[in-house]
């Protein structure tokens, strides 16, 4: 039984490692592609914004998602001592001549991060995991992505207020992708080590007859 346990333990470690490597590998591949096509992706995003506005989708996101994020970013800025105000999809940062207005469009509410999350979950949740642990992982992922989006917009607003428009655009375009991938890699490492639990089959009667108790009886 000791030999059997010693063999099963490294095997379980290998299984866990391969499971954790699946979403990480997917994220790295997706992030590499995203960084390569980022200039084209930004242009395509502008086209999607115009198409969404024409279809009324932008109005729906502007009515429900953008105001909520603007309100939360307003609170985050207050925590770090920067005065701000919000009006729907508009976020006003600072006061006086140095103040600026930021428009939170549908393209900035975080659909890219949601896409990364869905791609990683398509592979990360494969395997013999309990339903409860899967649901907990999904809930943590959605909550984490929501917090990440608030922090992302807050950082962009602070950079625009302190350093100007160009650094804010760089942080918005490149920093958002890097921050999303880094977060999801840390999230999946946490999920595989803490949250996700594998299913274990109940031993059959035949297997039970060969258990430790039976061996002890024979030896005695």
Protein backbone atom coordinates (compact mmCIF):
# COMPACT_ATOMS: atom_id res chain seq x y z
CA UNK A 1 0.00 0.00 0.00
CA UNK A 2 2.91 2.37 0.70
CA UNK A 3 4.30 1.75 -2.80
CA UNK A 4 0.87 2.27 -4.27
CA UNK A 5 0.46 5.59 -2.43
CA UNK A 6 3.93 6.73 -3.47
CA UNK A 7 3.07 6.08 -7.11
CA UNK A 8 -0.33 7.73 -6.99
CA UNK A 9 0.95 10.92 -5.34
CA UNK A 10 3.37 11.96 -8.15
CA UNK A 11 0.74 10.94 -10.68
CA UNK A 12 -1.79 13.25 -9.05
CA UNK A 13 0.78 16.05 -9.07
CA UNK A 14 1.37 15.53 -12.78
CA UNK A 15 -2.37 15.58 -13.47
CA UNK A 16 -2.77 18.81 -11.51
CA UNK A 17 0.16 20.42 -13.32
CA UNK A 18 -1.15 19.51 -16.75
CA UNK A 19 -4.58 20.85 -15.79
CA UNK A 20 -3.17 24.18 -14.60
CA UNK A 21 -0.95 24.44 -17.67
CA UNK A 22 -3.93 24.20 -20.01
CA UNK A 23 -5.49 27.65 -19.38
CA UNK A 24 -2.06 29.26 -18.86
CA UNK A 25 -0.90 28.02 -22.27
CA UNK A 26 -4.11 29.24 -23.86
CA UNK A 27 -3.72 32.66 -22.22
CA UNK A 28 -0.10 33.00 -23.35
CA UNK A 29 -0.98 32.09 -26.93
CA UNK A 30 -3.97 34.45 -26.94
CA UNK A 31 -1.95 37.29 -25.39
CA UNK A 32 0.84 36.86 -27.96
CA UNK A 33 -1.63 37.04 -30.82
CA UNK A 34 -3.40 40.02 -29.25
CA UNK A 35 -0.14 41.97 -28.88
CA UNK A 36 0.84 41.20 -32.49
CA UNK A 37 -2.45 42.35 -33.97
CA UNK A 38 -3.07 45.13 -31.44
CA UNK A 39 -2.73 48.03 -33.94
CA UNK A 40 -5.26 46.37 -36.23
CA UNK A 41 -7.37 45.35 -33.25
CA UNK A 42 -7.67 48.95 -32.09
CA UNK A 43 -8.86 50.06 -35.52
CA UNK A 44 -11.29 47.15 -35.70
CA UNK A 45 -12.56 48.07 -32.24
CA UNK A 46 -13.44 51.56 -33.47
CA UNK A 47 -15.38 50.06 -36.36
CA UNK A 48 -17.21 47.77 -33.94
CA UNK A 49 -18.05 50.78 -31.78
CA UNK A 50 -19.67 52.57 -34.72
CA UNK A 51 -21.54 49.42 -35.75
CA UNK A 52 -22.80 48.89 -32.20
CA UNK A 53 -23.99 52.49 -32.00
CA UNK A 54 -25.86 52.07 -35.28
CA UNK A 55 -27.52 48.89 -33.97
CA UNK A 56 -28.41 50.40 -30.60
CA UNK A 57 -26.17 48.00 -28.68
CA UNK A 58 -23.96 50.86 -27.55
CA UNK A 59 -27.01 52.63 -26.12
CA UNK A 60 -27.87 49.57 -24.02
CA UNK A 61 -24.34 49.27 -22.63
CA UNK A 62 -24.19 53.02 -22.10
CA UNK A 63 -27.43 52.89 -20.14
CA UNK A 64 -26.65 49.94 -17.87
CA UNK A 65 -22.94 49.12 -17.72
CA UNK A 66 -21.03 52.36 -18.29
CA UNK A 67 -22.86 54.37 -15.58
CA UNK A 68 -22.24 51.63 -13.02
CA UNK A 69 -18.55 51.50 -13.86
CA UNK A 70 -18.35 55.30 -13.86
CA UNK A 71 -19.86 55.39 -10.37
CA UNK A 72 -17.45 52.74 -9.09
CA UNK A 73 -14.43 54.44 -10.66
CA UNK A 74 -15.58 57.70 -9.07
CA UNK A 75 -15.48 55.94 -5.69
CA UNK A 76 -12.06 54.44 -6.40
CA UNK A 77 -10.66 57.86 -7.31
CA UNK A 78 -12.08 59.31 -4.09
CA UNK A 79 -10.20 56.65 -2.12
CA UNK A 80 -6.88 57.87 -3.52
CA UNK A 81 -7.72 61.54 -3.05
CA UNK A 82 -8.59 62.57 -6.62
CA UNK A 83 -11.80 64.54 -6.99
CA UNK A 84 -14.13 63.41 -9.76
CA UNK A 85 -17.73 63.36 -10.88
CA UNK A 86 -19.78 61.21 -13.22
CA UNK A 87 -22.77 61.74 -15.46
CA UNK A 88 -23.86 58.59 -17.22
CA UNK A 89 -21.00 57.43 -19.44
CA UNK A 90 -18.96 60.60 -18.77
CA UNK A 91 -16.35 60.69 -16.00
CA UNK A 92 -14.95 64.07 -14.97
CA UNK A 93 -11.55 63.82 -13.28
CA UNK A 94 -10.13 66.69 -11.25
CA UNK A 95 -11.36 70.22 -10.77
CA UNK A 96 -10.44 73.58 -12.24
CA UNK A 97 -8.43 74.21 -15.42
CA UNK A 98 -6.61 70.87 -15.16
CA UNK A 99 -9.77 68.77 -15.11
CA UNK A 100 -10.63 66.44 -17.97
CA UNK A 101 -13.64 64.48 -19.19
CA UNK A 102 -13.38 60.79 -20.07
CA UNK A 103 -16.04 58.99 -22.07
CA UNK A 104 -16.59 55.33 -21.11
CA UNK A 105 -17.75 53.74 -24.35
CA UNK A 106 -19.01 50.20 -24.76
CA UNK A 107 -15.56 49.30 -26.06
CA UNK A 108 -14.07 50.29 -22.70
CA UNK A 109 -16.46 48.51 -20.33
CA UNK A 110 -14.41 45.31 -20.41
CA UNK A 111 -15.68 42.97 -23.11
CA UNK A 112 -12.06 42.07 -23.95
CA UNK A 113 -11.44 40.79 -20.44
CA UNK A 114 -14.69 38.82 -20.52
CA UNK A 115 -13.52 37.24 -23.78
CA UNK A 116 -10.21 36.23 -22.18
CA UNK A 117 -12.12 34.73 -19.26
CA UNK A 118 -14.41 32.67 -21.50
CA UNK A 119 -11.48 31.41 -23.57
CA UNK A 120 -9.57 30.33 -20.47
CA UNK A 121 -12.60 28.67 -18.88
CA UNK A 122 -13.28 26.67 -22.04
CA UNK A 123 -10.08 24.75 -21.31
CA UNK A 124 -9.48 25.40 -17.63
CA UNK A 125 -12.69 23.76 -16.40
CA UNK A 126 -12.14 20.54 -18.35
CA UNK A 127 -11.52 17.51 -16.20
CA UNK A 128 -13.16 15.60 -13.36
CA UNK A 129 -14.01 18.47 -11.05
CA UNK A 130 -16.99 18.76 -8.74
CA UNK A 131 -19.89 20.94 -9.83
CA UNK A 132 -19.63 23.07 -6.71
CA UNK A 133 -15.95 23.85 -7.25
CA UNK A 134 -16.62 24.71 -10.91
CA UNK A 135 -19.40 27.12 -9.95
CA UNK A 136 -17.16 28.69 -7.31
CA UNK A 137 -14.42 29.13 -9.92
CA UNK A 138 -16.83 30.78 -12.36
CA UNK A 139 -18.14 33.12 -9.64
CA UNK A 140 -14.62 34.10 -8.58
CA UNK A 141 -13.61 34.67 -12.19
CA UNK A 142 -16.57 36.95 -12.90
CA UNK A 143 -16.00 38.89 -9.67
CA UNK A 144 -12.28 39.21 -10.35
CA UNK A 145 -12.85 40.42 -13.91
CA UNK A 146 -15.35 43.01 -12.67
CA UNK A 147 -12.83 44.32 -10.12
CA UNK A 148 -10.08 44.28 -12.74
CA UNK A 149 -12.18 46.40 -15.11
CA UNK A 150 -12.79 49.00 -12.41
CA UNK A 151 -9.09 49.13 -11.56
CA UNK A 152 -8.18 49.31 -15.25
CA UNK A 153 -10.39 52.32 -15.91
CA UNK A 154 -9.23 53.95 -12.68
CA UNK A 155 -5.56 53.58 -13.65
CA UNK A 156 -6.23 55.00 -17.12
CA UNK A 157 -8.06 57.96 -15.58
CA UNK A 158 -5.20 58.64 -13.14
CA UNK A 159 -2.56 58.42 -15.89
CA UNK A 160 -4.58 60.76 -18.13
CA UNK A 161 -5.01 63.22 -15.27
CA UNK A 162 -1.37 63.20 -14.14
CA UNK A 163 0.63 62.51 -17.31
CA UNK A 164 -1.65 63.39 -20.22
CA UNK A 165 -3.53 61.74 -23.04
CA UNK A 166 -0.74 59.88 -24.87
CA UNK A 167 0.50 57.88 -21.84
CA UNK A 168 -3.13 57.09 -21.00
CA UNK A 169 -3.70 55.71 -24.51
CA UNK A 170 -0.59 53.52 -24.23
CA UNK A 171 -1.71 52.21 -20.84
CA UNK A 172 -5.23 51.65 -22.17
CA UNK A 173 -4.12 49.73 -25.27
CA UNK A 174 -1.13 47.74 -24.03
CA UNK A 175 -1.42 47.74 -20.26
CA UNK A 176 -4.97 46.40 -20.30
CA UNK A 177 -3.98 43.27 -22.23
CA UNK A 178 -0.93 42.61 -20.05
CA UNK A 179 -2.88 43.19 -16.82
CA UNK A 180 -5.68 40.89 -17.96
CA UNK A 181 -3.34 38.03 -18.85
CA UNK A 182 -1.36 38.43 -15.61
CA UNK A 183 -4.55 38.42 -13.56
CA UNK A 184 -5.97 35.34 -15.25
CA UNK A 185 -2.72 33.40 -14.85
CA UNK A 186 -2.73 34.20 -11.12
CA UNK A 187 -6.45 33.41 -10.95
CA UNK A 188 -6.04 29.95 -12.49
CA UNK A 189 -3.05 29.17 -10.28
CA UNK A 190 -5.23 30.01 -7.27
CA UNK A 191 -8.21 28.07 -8.65
CA UNK A 192 -6.21 24.88 -9.22
CA UNK A 193 -4.47 25.05 -5.86
CA UNK A 194 -7.38 26.14 -3.67
CA UNK A 195 -10.81 26.07 -5.35
CA UNK A 196 -11.13 23.23 -7.85
CA UNK A 197 -11.68 19.77 -6.37
CA UNK A 198 -11.46 16.51 -8.30
CA UNK A 199 -14.16 13.85 -8.14
CA UNK A 200 -13.21 10.58 -6.45
CA UNK A 201 -15.07 7.37 -7.30
CA UNK A 202 -16.39 5.25 -4.45
CA UNK A 203 -14.43 1.99 -4.10
CA UNK A 204 -16.27 -1.09 -5.32
CA UNK A 205 -16.82 -4.10 -3.01
CA UNK A 206 -14.07 -5.99 -4.83
CA UNK A 207 -11.66 -3.10 -4.27
CA UNK A 208 -12.71 -2.89 -0.64
CA UNK A 209 -11.81 -6.53 -0.04
CA UNK A 210 -8.22 -5.71 -1.06
CA UNK A 211 -7.98 -2.66 1.22
CA UNK A 212 -5.58 -2.08 4.08
CA UNK A 213 -7.84 -3.83 6.61
CA UNK A 214 -7.83 -7.07 4.59
CA UNK A 215 -4.06 -6.98 4.25
CA UNK A 216 -3.68 -6.43 8.00
CA UNK A 217 -5.91 -9.45 8.69
CA UNK A 218 -3.84 -11.72 6.48
CA UNK A 219 -0.58 -10.54 8.05
CA UNK A 220 -1.87 -11.15 11.54
